[in-house]
Amino acid sequence: MNRRRFSVLCVGVLLTSLPTGCGPSGARCAKCGMLVADHPRWVAGAITPSGGEERFCCPRCMFAWHLSPRGKGSRDLWVTEYYSQQRTPVADVFFVMDSDVVGPMGKSLVPIAGREAAERFRQDHHGARLLKPGDLTPELLREIAGKPPEETKP
């Protein structure tokens, strides 16, 4: 009987230690289509103008969607904070750009709560700079993804 209780306890601890906010196991990233549950340490989300919730495999996909016509009017953006693995509003984190920590889509924006922790992470992981959500533009997201700038038509 003790082994059974121990097994039940272990399963309970495992289930409660999973990051919150991953959503349904079949949910796909609203930007790239990757399975969100495959990347629980990177999950991000937003509320659509109609009140629905969208999930993303990483902050970079979320911001690319949010800044596009499809995401226009979205609100209540959140990310999974890197250290705590907790759902955190984007206004409460700094994003480290170009670090050696790779997300599900390659180079990513690593969300860190608190300027001091973010600066330490940037130094430890060779990040280029710290960004706040208002600093992010479609052009900067393309740069992070390693894509050339979009050409403007004459």
C-alpha atoms as a PDB file:
ATOM      1  CA  MET A   1       0.000   0.000   0.000  1.00  0.00           C
ATOM      2  CA  ASN A   2       2.884   2.391   0.724  1.00  0.00           C
ATOM      3  CA  ARG A   3       4.201   2.030  -2.841  1.00  0.00           C
ATOM      4  CA  ARG A   4       0.791   2.893  -4.237  1.00  0.00           C
ATOM      5  CA  ARG A   5       0.490   6.008  -2.074  1.00  0.00           C
ATOM      6  CA  PHE A   6       4.001   7.019  -3.058  1.00  0.00           C
ATOM      7  CA  SER A   7       3.150   6.569  -6.754  1.00  0.00           C
ATOM      8  CA  VAL A   8      -0.024   8.636  -6.410  1.00  0.00           C
ATOM      9  CA  LEU A   9       1.932  11.323  -4.571  1.00  0.00           C
ATOM     10  CA  CYS A  10       4.595  11.407  -7.296  1.00  0.00           C
ATOM     11  CA  VAL A  11       1.991  11.766 -10.039  1.00  0.00           C
ATOM     12  CA  GLY A  12       0.284  14.544  -8.075  1.00  0.00           C
ATOM     13  CA  VAL A  13       3.559  16.425  -7.607  1.00  0.00           C
ATOM     14  CA  LEU A  14       4.378  16.031 -11.291  1.00  0.00           C
ATOM     15  CA  LEU A  15       0.987  17.354 -12.393  1.00  0.00           C
ATOM     16  CA  THR A  16       1.091  20.331 -10.044  1.00  0.00           C
ATOM     17  CA  SER A  17       4.632  21.240 -11.106  1.00  0.00           C
ATOM     18  CA  LEU A  18       3.699  21.729 -14.751  1.00  0.00           C
ATOM     19  CA  PRO A  19       3.652  25.379 -15.885  1.00  0.00           C
ATOM     20  CA  THR A  20       0.265  27.007 -15.852  1.00  0.00           C
ATOM     21  CA  GLY A  21      -1.342  28.381 -18.972  1.00  0.00           C
ATOM     22  CA  CYS A  22      -0.364  25.732 -21.519  1.00  0.00           C
ATOM     23  CA  GLY A  23      -3.955  25.264 -22.574  1.00  0.00           C
ATOM     24  CA  PRO A  24      -5.454  22.199 -24.217  1.00  0.00           C
ATOM     25  CA  SER A  25      -2.951  19.563 -25.304  1.00  0.00           C
ATOM     26  CA  GLY A  26      -3.938  19.986 -28.956  1.00  0.00           C
ATOM     27  CA  ALA A  27      -3.775  23.801 -28.997  1.00  0.00           C
ATOM     28  CA  ARG A  28      -1.616  25.190 -31.777  1.00  0.00           C
ATOM     29  CA  CYS A  29       0.302  28.448 -31.911  1.00  0.00           C
ATOM     30  CA  ALA A  30      -1.920  31.096 -33.495  1.00  0.00           C
ATOM     31  CA  LYS A  31       1.082  32.401 -35.470  1.00  0.00           C
ATOM     32  CA  CYS A  32       3.144  29.396 -36.628  1.00  0.00           C
ATOM     33  CA  GLY A  33       0.941  26.372 -35.907  1.00  0.00           C
ATOM     34  CA  MET A  34       3.348  24.530 -33.584  1.00  0.00           C
ATOM     35  CA  LEU A  35       1.788  22.515 -30.762  1.00  0.00           C
ATOM     36  CA  VAL A  36       1.799  24.818 -27.739  1.00  0.00           C
ATOM     37  CA  ALA A  37       1.937  21.963 -25.209  1.00  0.00           C
ATOM     38  CA  ASP A  38       5.237  20.802 -26.730  1.00  0.00           C
ATOM     39  CA  HIS A  39       6.917  23.963 -25.397  1.00  0.00           C
ATOM     40  CA  PRO A  40       5.433  24.651 -21.928  1.00  0.00           C
ATOM     41  CA  ARG A  41       8.421  26.736 -20.783  1.00  0.00           C
ATOM     42  CA  TRP A  42       7.774  29.252 -23.583  1.00  0.00           C
ATOM     43  CA  VAL A  43       3.957  29.530 -23.779  1.00  0.00           C
ATOM     44  CA  ALA A  44       2.496  32.995 -24.280  1.00  0.00           C
ATOM     45  CA  GLY A  45      -1.033  34.244 -24.816  1.00  0.00           C
ATOM     46  CA  ALA A  46      -3.385  37.110 -25.552  1.00  0.00           C
ATOM     47  CA  ILE A  47      -7.064  37.955 -25.514  1.00  0.00           C
ATOM     48  CA  THR A  48      -8.555  38.695 -28.945  1.00  0.00           C
ATOM     49  CA  PRO A  49     -10.832  41.698 -29.548  1.00  0.00           C
ATOM     50  CA  SER A  50     -13.820  39.319 -29.462  1.00  0.00           C
ATOM     51  CA  GLY A  51     -12.791  38.017 -26.018  1.00  0.00           C
ATOM     52  CA  GLY A  52     -11.317  34.688 -27.115  1.00  0.00           C
ATOM     53  CA  GLU A  53      -7.905  33.529 -26.009  1.00  0.00           C
ATOM     54  CA  GLU A  54      -5.015  32.771 -28.367  1.00  0.00           C
ATOM     55  CA  ARG A  55      -1.954  30.731 -27.367  1.00  0.00           C
ATOM     56  CA  PHE A  56       1.534  30.873 -28.810  1.00  0.00           C
ATOM     57  CA  CYS A  57       4.604  28.658 -28.719  1.00  0.00           C
ATOM     58  CA  CYS A  58       6.823  31.586 -27.670  1.00  0.00           C
ATOM     59  CA  PRO A  59       6.817  35.355 -27.043  1.00  0.00           C
ATOM     60  CA  ARG A  60       8.255  36.094 -30.489  1.00  0.00           C
ATOM     61  CA  CYS A  61       5.265  34.454 -32.223  1.00  0.00           C
ATOM     62  CA  MET A  62       2.867  36.234 -29.873  1.00  0.00           C
ATOM     63  CA  PHE A  63       4.313  39.678 -30.603  1.00  0.00           C
ATOM     64  CA  ALA A  64       4.505  38.999 -34.356  1.00  0.00           C
ATOM     65  CA  TRP A  65       0.786  38.111 -34.260  1.00  0.00           C
ATOM     66  CA  HIS A  66      -0.113  41.007 -31.933  1.00  0.00           C
ATOM     67  CA  LEU A  67       1.612  43.553 -34.183  1.00  0.00           C
ATOM     68  CA  SER A  68       0.007  42.159 -37.353  1.00  0.00           C
ATOM     69  CA  PRO A  69      -3.463  42.961 -38.725  1.00  0.00           C
ATOM     70  CA  ARG A  70      -4.725  39.606 -37.320  1.00  0.00           C
ATOM     71  CA  GLY A  71      -3.769  40.640 -33.778  1.00  0.00           C
ATOM     72  CA  LYS A  72      -4.966  44.229 -33.988  1.00  0.00           C
ATOM     73  CA  GLY A  73      -6.900  45.127 -30.859  1.00  0.00           C
ATOM     74  CA  SER A  74      -5.659  42.145 -28.838  1.00  0.00           C
ATOM     75  CA  ARG A  75      -5.046  42.767 -25.150  1.00  0.00           C
ATOM     76  CA  ASP A  76      -3.917  41.235 -21.863  1.00  0.00           C
ATOM     77  CA  LEU A  77      -0.739  39.770 -23.318  1.00  0.00           C
ATOM     78  CA  TRP A  78       1.145  37.364 -21.043  1.00  0.00           C
ATOM     79  CA  VAL A  79       4.212  35.146 -21.162  1.00  0.00           C
ATOM     80  CA  THR A  80       5.706  32.307 -19.164  1.00  0.00           C
ATOM     81  CA  GLU A  81       8.457  33.997 -17.142  1.00  0.00           C
ATOM     82  CA  TYR A  82      11.782  32.190 -17.628  1.00  0.00           C
ATOM     83  CA  TYR A  83      12.789  31.600 -13.995  1.00  0.00           C
ATOM     84  CA  SER A  84       9.463  31.197 -12.177  1.00  0.00           C
ATOM     85  CA  GLN A  85       7.696  29.434 -15.081  1.00  0.00           C
ATOM     86  CA  GLN A  86       4.565  31.374 -14.113  1.00  0.00           C
ATOM     87  CA  ARG A  87       2.092  33.155 -16.358  1.00  0.00           C
ATOM     88  CA  THR A  88       3.146  36.810 -16.157  1.00  0.00           C
ATOM     89  CA  PRO A  89       1.748  39.972 -17.825  1.00  0.00           C
ATOM     90  CA  VAL A  90       4.172  41.303 -20.456  1.00  0.00           C
ATOM     91  CA  ALA A  91       4.303  44.659 -18.668  1.00  0.00           C
ATOM     92  CA  ASP A  92       5.985  42.901 -15.712  1.00  0.00           C
ATOM     93  CA  VAL A  93       8.960  41.498 -17.627  1.00  0.00           C
ATOM     94  CA  PHE A  94      11.974  42.560 -19.618  1.00  0.00           C
ATOM     95  CA  PHE A  95      12.825  40.648 -22.771  1.00  0.00           C
ATOM     96  CA  VAL A  96      16.423  39.658 -23.397  1.00  0.00           C
ATOM     97  CA  MET A  97      17.249  39.734 -27.095  1.00  0.00           C
ATOM     98  CA  ASP A  98      19.853  37.555 -28.857  1.00  0.00           C
ATOM     99  CA  SER A  99      20.939  35.434 -25.902  1.00  0.00           C
ATOM    100  CA  ASP A 100      22.355  31.916 -26.150  1.00  0.00           C
ATOM    101  CA  VAL A 101      19.040  30.518 -24.839  1.00  0.00           C
ATOM    102  CA  VAL A 102      17.065  29.165 -27.783  1.00  0.00           C
ATOM    103  CA  GLY A 103      13.261  28.946 -27.901  1.00  0.00           C
ATOM    104  CA  PRO A 104      11.031  26.673 -29.967  1.00  0.00           C
ATOM    105  CA  MET A 105      11.378  28.948 -33.012  1.00  0.00           C
ATOM    106  CA  GLY A 106      15.130  29.469 -32.630  1.00  0.00           C
ATOM    107  CA  LYS A 107      16.288  32.868 -31.431  1.00  0.00           C
ATOM    108  CA  SER A 108      13.711  34.215 -29.062  1.00  0.00           C
ATOM    109  CA  LEU A 109      12.834  36.900 -26.586  1.00  0.00           C
ATOM    110  CA  VAL A 110      13.519  35.546 -23.105  1.00  0.00           C
ATOM    111  CA  PRO A 111      11.042  37.029 -20.567  1.00  0.00           C
ATOM    112  CA  ILE A 112      12.643  37.848 -17.208  1.00  0.00           C
ATOM    113  CA  ALA A 113      10.857  39.531 -14.285  1.00  0.00           C
ATOM    114  CA  GLY A 114      12.775  42.473 -12.827  1.00  0.00           C
ATOM    115  CA  ARG A 115      15.479  44.633 -14.344  1.00  0.00           C
ATOM    116  CA  GLU A 116      18.263  43.317 -12.110  1.00  0.00           C
ATOM    117  CA  ALA A 117      17.500  39.664 -12.912  1.00  0.00           C
ATOM    118  CA  ALA A 118      17.132  40.484 -16.610  1.00  0.00           C
ATOM    119  CA  GLU A 119      20.464  42.302 -16.682  1.00  0.00           C
ATOM    120  CA  ARG A 120      22.168  39.381 -14.904  1.00  0.00           C
ATOM    121  CA  PHE A 121      20.597  36.944 -17.391  1.00  0.00           C
ATOM    122  CA  ARG A 122      21.715  39.159 -20.295  1.00  0.00           C
ATOM    123  CA  GLN A 123      25.297  39.082 -19.049  1.00  0.00           C
ATOM    124  CA  ASP A 124      25.313  35.364 -18.206  1.00  0.00           C
ATOM    125  CA  HIS A 125      23.761  34.354 -21.525  1.00  0.00           C
ATOM    126  CA  HIS A 126      25.441  36.893 -23.820  1.00  0.00           C
ATOM    127  CA  GLY A 127      22.234  38.763 -24.650  1.00  0.00           C
ATOM    128  CA  ALA A 128      22.430  41.823 -26.868  1.00  0.00           C
ATOM    129  CA  ARG A 129      20.006  44.054 -24.976  1.00  0.00           C
ATOM    130  CA  LEU A 130      16.950  44.372 -22.776  1.00  0.00           C
ATOM    131  CA  LEU A 131      13.616  45.318 -24.273  1.00  0.00           C
ATOM    132  CA  LYS A 132      10.208  46.265 -22.910  1.00  0.00           C
ATOM    133  CA  PRO A 133       7.044  45.350 -24.870  1.00  0.00           C
ATOM    134  CA  GLY A 134       6.754  48.878 -26.293  1.00  0.00           C
ATOM    135  CA  ASP A 135      10.226  48.530 -27.855  1.00  0.00           C
ATOM    136  CA  LEU A 136       9.135  45.671 -30.089  1.00  0.00           C
ATOM    137  CA  THR A 137       8.335  46.376 -33.726  1.00  0.00           C
ATOM    138  CA  PRO A 138       7.693  44.075 -36.695  1.00  0.00           C
ATOM    139  CA  GLU A 139      11.130  45.033 -38.043  1.00  0.00           C
ATOM    140  CA  LEU A 140      12.860  44.096 -34.789  1.00  0.00           C
ATOM    141  CA  LEU A 141      10.994  40.765 -34.663  1.00  0.00           C
ATOM    142  CA  ARG A 142      12.166  40.002 -38.205  1.00  0.00           C
ATOM    143  CA  GLU A 143      15.729  40.831 -37.140  1.00  0.00           C
ATOM    144  CA  ILE A 144      15.477  38.464 -34.155  1.00  0.00           C
ATOM    145  CA  ALA A 145      14.160  35.733 -36.464  1.00  0.00           C
ATOM    146  CA  GLY A 146      17.123  36.285 -38.787  1.00  0.00           C
ATOM    147  CA  LYS A 147      14.925  37.399 -41.666  1.00  0.00           C
ATOM    148  CA  PRO A 148      15.877  40.233 -44.000  1.00  0.00           C
ATOM    149  CA  PRO A 149      13.918  43.483 -43.671  1.00  0.00           C
ATOM    150  CA  GLU A 150      10.801  43.637 -45.809  1.00  0.00           C
ATOM    151  CA  GLU A 151      11.286  45.725 -48.895  1.00  0.00           C
ATOM    152  CA  THR A 152       8.927  48.601 -49.414  1.00  0.00           C
ATOM    153  CA  LYS A 153       7.271  48.789 -52.802  1.00  0.00           C
ATOM    154  CA  PRO A 154       7.832  51.995 -54.804  1.00  0.00           C
END
